[in-house]
Amino acid sequence: MSLDILKYPDERLKQASQPVVRFDNALRAFVDELEETMRAGSGGVGIAAPQVGRFERIVIVDISAMRKLPAGSSSSGRMLLINLEITGWEGMVMGREGCMSVPDYTGNVIRAERIHFTACDEFGQSHEYACEGFEARAVQHEVDHLDGLLFLDRLVSRRTDLFRRKVYRKKD
């Protein structure tokens, strides 16, 4: 069952999330629903729990289904990241971002090109990660949701770097 995604300008999207403290079956069931919601969206490569109204530090990122990965990007596959903490970053680059919570727009945002971070899995085990390129961008985008930020808050310029999203019709 897909969950409802909060849409901008819903004030709840500005709410900061709390760390997960219980790693139990209820958490794992929620993670399954969150992933199903992400995969039901068109082109979604990441989702954060606050986007569905649950204000805990839970993120899923998976860019592996993209037809064509941007240059300099590789995929770690599906990453469930709980209580994620970025521990290092290198290089800054501007890129275009979209969001399921802001369905009508995309925008140019500056992000770190490479990041290192730690996060727990659904059983509470801590892991270390390193990402670069588009995958690093996706992780940073989802972390912003945990802190009550949208890509709109990080636009290079609201006047020149916000774009109405093109609408694609599905082919039958």
C-alpha atoms as a PDB file:
ATOM      1  CA  MET A   1       0.000   0.000   0.000  1.00  0.00           C
ATOM      2  CA  SER A   2       1.441   3.359  -1.024  1.00  0.00           C
ATOM      3  CA  LEU A   3       1.475   6.118   1.558  1.00  0.00           C
ATOM      4  CA  ASP A   4       0.312   9.681   0.838  1.00  0.00           C
ATOM      5  CA  ILE A   5       3.161  12.075   0.061  1.00  0.00           C
ATOM      6  CA  LEU A   6       3.050  15.511   1.669  1.00  0.00           C
ATOM      7  CA  LYS A   7       3.227  18.268  -0.941  1.00  0.00           C
ATOM      8  CA  TYR A   8       4.690  21.755  -0.737  1.00  0.00           C
ATOM      9  CA  PRO A   9       3.590  24.136   0.846  1.00  0.00           C
ATOM     10  CA  ASP A  10       2.492  21.728   3.630  1.00  0.00           C
ATOM     11  CA  GLU A  11       4.032  23.180   6.812  1.00  0.00           C
ATOM     12  CA  ARG A  12       4.873  19.695   8.138  1.00  0.00           C
ATOM     13  CA  LEU A  13       7.644  19.471   5.515  1.00  0.00           C
ATOM     14  CA  LYS A  14       9.545  22.088   7.563  1.00  0.00           C
ATOM     15  CA  GLN A  15       9.565  19.887  10.667  1.00  0.00           C
ATOM     16  CA  ALA A  16      12.860  18.347  11.802  1.00  0.00           C
ATOM     17  CA  SER A  17      12.860  14.590  12.403  1.00  0.00           C
ATOM     18  CA  GLN A  18      13.914  12.674  15.497  1.00  0.00           C
ATOM     19  CA  PRO A  19      16.357   9.737  15.613  1.00  0.00           C
ATOM     20  CA  VAL A  20      14.912   6.239  15.458  1.00  0.00           C
ATOM     21  CA  VAL A  21      15.205   4.553  18.857  1.00  0.00           C
ATOM     22  CA  ARG A  22      13.198   1.335  18.291  1.00  0.00           C
ATOM     23  CA  PHE A  23      14.403  -1.112  15.666  1.00  0.00           C
ATOM     24  CA  ASP A  24      11.481  -3.532  15.676  1.00  0.00           C
ATOM     25  CA  ASN A  25       8.989  -5.225  13.368  1.00  0.00           C
ATOM     26  CA  ALA A  26       6.833  -2.083  13.240  1.00  0.00           C
ATOM     27  CA  LEU A  27       9.825  -0.130  11.891  1.00  0.00           C
ATOM     28  CA  ARG A  28      10.539  -2.793   9.280  1.00  0.00           C
ATOM     29  CA  ALA A  29       6.866  -2.801   8.183  1.00  0.00           C
ATOM     30  CA  PHE A  30       6.983   0.994   7.798  1.00  0.00           C
ATOM     31  CA  VAL A  31      10.205   0.749   5.761  1.00  0.00           C
ATOM     32  CA  ASP A  32       8.448  -1.681   3.380  1.00  0.00           C
ATOM     33  CA  GLU A  33       5.558   0.778   2.928  1.00  0.00           C
ATOM     34  CA  LEU A  34       7.980   3.683   2.453  1.00  0.00           C
ATOM     35  CA  GLU A  35       9.887   1.794  -0.239  1.00  0.00           C
ATOM     36  CA  GLU A  36       6.671   0.820  -2.010  1.00  0.00           C
ATOM     37  CA  THR A  37       5.654   4.497  -2.022  1.00  0.00           C
ATOM     38  CA  MET A  38       9.012   5.539  -3.507  1.00  0.00           C
ATOM     39  CA  ARG A  39       8.824   2.905  -6.251  1.00  0.00           C
ATOM     40  CA  ALA A  40       5.206   3.825  -7.092  1.00  0.00           C
ATOM     41  CA  GLY A  41       6.278   7.381  -7.948  1.00  0.00           C
ATOM     42  CA  SER A  42       7.529   8.232 -11.404  1.00  0.00           C
ATOM     43  CA  GLY A  43      11.316   8.351 -11.422  1.00  0.00           C
ATOM     44  CA  GLY A  44      11.700   8.515  -7.653  1.00  0.00           C
ATOM     45  CA  VAL A  45      15.235   7.597  -6.559  1.00  0.00           C
ATOM     46  CA  GLY A  46      14.825   8.453  -2.898  1.00  0.00           C
ATOM     47  CA  ILE A  47      12.312   9.104  -0.169  1.00  0.00           C
ATOM     48  CA  ALA A  48      12.463  10.283   3.422  1.00  0.00           C
ATOM     49  CA  ALA A  49      10.004   9.389   6.175  1.00  0.00           C
ATOM     50  CA  PRO A  50       8.936  13.029   6.740  1.00  0.00           C
ATOM     51  CA  GLN A  51       7.575  13.103   3.177  1.00  0.00           C
ATOM     52  CA  VAL A  52       4.841  10.722   4.332  1.00  0.00           C
ATOM     53  CA  GLY A  53       4.280  12.422   7.686  1.00  0.00           C
ATOM     54  CA  ARG A  54       6.522  10.274   9.879  1.00  0.00           C
ATOM     55  CA  PHE A  55       9.140  12.471  11.509  1.00  0.00           C
ATOM     56  CA  GLU A  56      11.913   9.977  12.148  1.00  0.00           C
ATOM     57  CA  ARG A  57      15.357   9.926  10.516  1.00  0.00           C
ATOM     58  CA  ILE A  58      14.656   7.235   7.886  1.00  0.00           C
ATOM     59  CA  VAL A  59      15.723   7.482   4.234  1.00  0.00           C
ATOM     60  CA  ILE A  60      15.754   5.119   1.271  1.00  0.00           C
ATOM     61  CA  VAL A  61      17.929   5.880  -1.776  1.00  0.00           C
ATOM     62  CA  ASP A  62      18.236   3.692  -4.868  1.00  0.00           C
ATOM     63  CA  ILE A  63      19.430   5.166  -8.164  1.00  0.00           C
ATOM     64  CA  SER A  64      20.045   1.735  -9.748  1.00  0.00           C
ATOM     65  CA  ALA A  65      16.765   1.795 -11.705  1.00  0.00           C
ATOM     66  CA  MET A  66      17.714   4.954 -13.600  1.00  0.00           C
ATOM     67  CA  ARG A  67      17.949   4.277 -17.300  1.00  0.00           C
ATOM     68  CA  LYS A  68      21.052   6.387 -17.733  1.00  0.00           C
ATOM     69  CA  LEU A  69      23.202   7.346 -14.757  1.00  0.00           C
ATOM     70  CA  PRO A  70      24.740  10.813 -14.980  1.00  0.00           C
ATOM     71  CA  ALA A  71      28.485  10.935 -15.709  1.00  0.00           C
ATOM     72  CA  GLY A  72      30.642  10.291 -12.649  1.00  0.00           C
ATOM     73  CA  SER A  73      27.894   8.368 -10.863  1.00  0.00           C
ATOM     74  CA  SER A  74      27.814   4.803  -9.697  1.00  0.00           C
ATOM     75  CA  SER A  75      25.115   3.000  -7.764  1.00  0.00           C
ATOM     76  CA  SER A  76      25.378   1.266  -4.414  1.00  0.00           C
ATOM     77  CA  GLY A  77      21.934  -0.231  -5.026  1.00  0.00           C
ATOM     78  CA  ARG A  78      19.168   0.101  -2.468  1.00  0.00           C
ATOM     79  CA  MET A  79      20.321   1.893   0.656  1.00  0.00           C
ATOM     80  CA  LEU A  80      18.130   2.032   3.749  1.00  0.00           C
ATOM     81  CA  LEU A  81      19.680   4.737   5.899  1.00  0.00           C
ATOM     82  CA  ILE A  82      18.452   5.251   9.445  1.00  0.00           C
ATOM     83  CA  ASN A  83      19.871   7.969  11.720  1.00  0.00           C
ATOM     84  CA  LEU A  84      22.208   8.962   8.879  1.00  0.00           C
ATOM     85  CA  GLU A  85      25.059  11.300   9.730  1.00  0.00           C
ATOM     86  CA  ILE A  86      27.301  12.830   7.057  1.00  0.00           C
ATOM     87  CA  THR A  87      30.895  12.662   8.317  1.00  0.00           C
ATOM     88  CA  GLY A  88      32.723  14.205   5.363  1.00  0.00           C
ATOM     89  CA  TRP A  89      32.261  15.817   1.996  1.00  0.00           C
ATOM     90  CA  GLU A  90      34.426  16.937  -0.913  1.00  0.00           C
ATOM     91  CA  GLY A  91      33.964  19.152  -3.958  1.00  0.00           C
ATOM     92  CA  MET A  92      30.895  21.202  -4.760  1.00  0.00           C
ATOM     93  CA  VAL A  93      28.882  20.978  -7.952  1.00  0.00           C
ATOM     94  CA  MET A  94      25.603  22.410  -9.195  1.00  0.00           C
ATOM     95  CA  GLY A  95      22.924  20.045 -10.483  1.00  0.00           C
ATOM     96  CA  ARG A  96      19.213  19.845 -11.230  1.00  0.00           C
ATOM     97  CA  GLU A  97      16.915  18.301  -8.624  1.00  0.00           C
ATOM     98  CA  GLY A  98      13.277  17.381  -8.398  1.00  0.00           C
ATOM     99  CA  CYS A  99      11.177  16.065  -5.545  1.00  0.00           C
ATOM    100  CA  MET A 100       8.007  14.058  -5.030  1.00  0.00           C
ATOM    101  CA  SER A 101       6.936  16.688  -2.488  1.00  0.00           C
ATOM    102  CA  VAL A 102       7.406  19.475  -5.071  1.00  0.00           C
ATOM    103  CA  PRO A 103       5.984  17.729  -8.140  1.00  0.00           C
ATOM    104  CA  ASP A 104       5.630  20.740 -10.436  1.00  0.00           C
ATOM    105  CA  TYR A 105       9.179  22.128 -10.304  1.00  0.00           C
ATOM    106  CA  THR A 106      12.873  21.290 -10.567  1.00  0.00           C
ATOM    107  CA  GLY A 107      15.772  23.509  -9.618  1.00  0.00           C
ATOM    108  CA  ASN A 108      19.533  23.993  -9.582  1.00  0.00           C
ATOM    109  CA  VAL A 109      21.154  23.216  -6.237  1.00  0.00           C
ATOM    110  CA  ILE A 110      24.813  23.112  -5.171  1.00  0.00           C
ATOM    111  CA  ARG A 111      25.775  19.901  -3.343  1.00  0.00           C
ATOM    112  CA  ALA A 112      28.937  18.067  -2.356  1.00  0.00           C
ATOM    113  CA  GLU A 113      30.258  15.837  -5.133  1.00  0.00           C
ATOM    114  CA  ARG A 114      31.477  13.105  -2.764  1.00  0.00           C
ATOM    115  CA  ILE A 115      30.241  12.284   0.736  1.00  0.00           C
ATOM    116  CA  HIS A 116      31.062   9.870   3.540  1.00  0.00           C
ATOM    117  CA  PHE A 117      28.459   8.979   6.123  1.00  0.00           C
ATOM    118  CA  THR A 118      27.307   6.488   8.711  1.00  0.00           C
ATOM    119  CA  ALA A 119      23.810   5.081   9.087  1.00  0.00           C
ATOM    120  CA  CYS A 120      22.007   2.205  10.730  1.00  0.00           C
ATOM    121  CA  ASP A 121      20.095  -0.530   8.951  1.00  0.00           C
ATOM    122  CA  GLU A 122      16.620  -1.756   9.974  1.00  0.00           C
ATOM    123  CA  PHE A 123      18.169  -3.876  12.747  1.00  0.00           C
ATOM    124  CA  GLY A 124      20.135  -0.995  14.315  1.00  0.00           C
ATOM    125  CA  GLN A 125      23.541  -2.093  12.964  1.00  0.00           C
ATOM    126  CA  SER A 126      25.783   0.850  12.030  1.00  0.00           C
ATOM    127  CA  HIS A 127      27.487   0.950   8.601  1.00  0.00           C
ATOM    128  CA  GLU A 128      29.868   3.328   6.832  1.00  0.00           C
ATOM    129  CA  TYR A 129      29.217   4.533   3.279  1.00  0.00           C
ATOM    130  CA  ALA A 130      30.874   6.593   0.559  1.00  0.00           C
ATOM    131  CA  CYS A 131      28.990   7.965  -2.446  1.00  0.00           C
ATOM    132  CA  GLU A 132      29.737  10.266  -5.330  1.00  0.00           C
ATOM    133  CA  GLY A 133      27.981  11.986  -8.195  1.00  0.00           C
ATOM    134  CA  PHE A 134      24.230  11.693  -8.517  1.00  0.00           C
ATOM    135  CA  GLU A 135      23.959   9.142  -5.700  1.00  0.00           C
ATOM    136  CA  ALA A 136      25.681  11.557  -3.283  1.00  0.00           C
ATOM    137  CA  ARG A 137      23.282  14.292  -4.441  1.00  0.00           C
ATOM    138  CA  ALA A 138      20.268  12.038  -3.798  1.00  0.00           C
ATOM    139  CA  VAL A 139      21.453  11.185  -0.277  1.00  0.00           C
ATOM    140  CA  GLN A 140      22.018  14.868   0.562  1.00  0.00           C
ATOM    141  CA  HIS A 141      18.585  15.758  -0.835  1.00  0.00           C
ATOM    142  CA  GLU A 142      16.924  13.171   1.422  1.00  0.00           C
ATOM    143  CA  VAL A 143      18.946  14.277   4.478  1.00  0.00           C
ATOM    144  CA  ASP A 144      17.555  17.774   3.931  1.00  0.00           C
ATOM    145  CA  HIS A 145      14.035  16.351   4.338  1.00  0.00           C
ATOM    146  CA  LEU A 146      15.087  15.002   7.745  1.00  0.00           C
ATOM    147  CA  ASP A 147      16.128  18.530   8.728  1.00  0.00           C
ATOM    148  CA  GLY A 148      12.926  20.173   7.468  1.00  0.00           C
ATOM    149  CA  LEU A 149      14.445  21.530   4.240  1.00  0.00           C
ATOM    150  CA  LEU A 150      13.390  21.219   0.610  1.00  0.00           C
ATOM    151  CA  PHE A 151      15.517  21.740  -2.489  1.00  0.00           C
ATOM    152  CA  LEU A 152      13.593  25.031  -2.834  1.00  0.00           C
ATOM    153  CA  ASP A 153      15.465  26.244   0.269  1.00  0.00           C
ATOM    154  CA  ARG A 154      18.816  25.622  -1.448  1.00  0.00           C
ATOM    155  CA  LEU A 155      18.180  27.038  -4.930  1.00  0.00           C
ATOM    156  CA  VAL A 156      21.123  28.960  -6.327  1.00  0.00           C
ATOM    157  CA  SER A 157      18.667  31.699  -7.385  1.00  0.00           C
ATOM    158  CA  ARG A 158      14.880  31.634  -7.060  1.00  0.00           C
ATOM    159  CA  ARG A 159      14.665  33.863 -10.146  1.00  0.00           C
ATOM    160  CA  THR A 160      16.867  31.917 -12.568  1.00  0.00           C
ATOM    161  CA  ASP A 161      17.237  28.390 -11.133  1.00  0.00           C
ATOM    162  CA  LEU A 162      13.641  27.227 -10.616  1.00  0.00           C
ATOM    163  CA  PHE A 163      11.986  25.482 -13.566  1.00  0.00           C
ATOM    164  CA  ARG A 164       8.471  24.231 -14.214  1.00  0.00           C
ATOM    165  CA  ARG A 165       8.685  20.449 -14.607  1.00  0.00           C
ATOM    166  CA  LYS A 166       7.903  19.043 -18.006  1.00  0.00           C
ATOM    167  CA  VAL A 167       4.928  16.722 -18.014  1.00  0.00           C
ATOM    168  CA  TYR A 168       5.485  13.462 -19.824  1.00  0.00           C
ATOM    169  CA  ARG A 169       2.613  11.350 -21.043  1.00  0.00           C
ATOM    170  CA  LYS A 170       2.859   7.632 -20.524  1.00  0.00           C
ATOM    171  CA  LYS A 171       2.955   5.651 -23.736  1.00  0.00           C
ATOM    172  CA  ASP A 172       0.329   2.952 -23.953  1.00  0.00           C
END
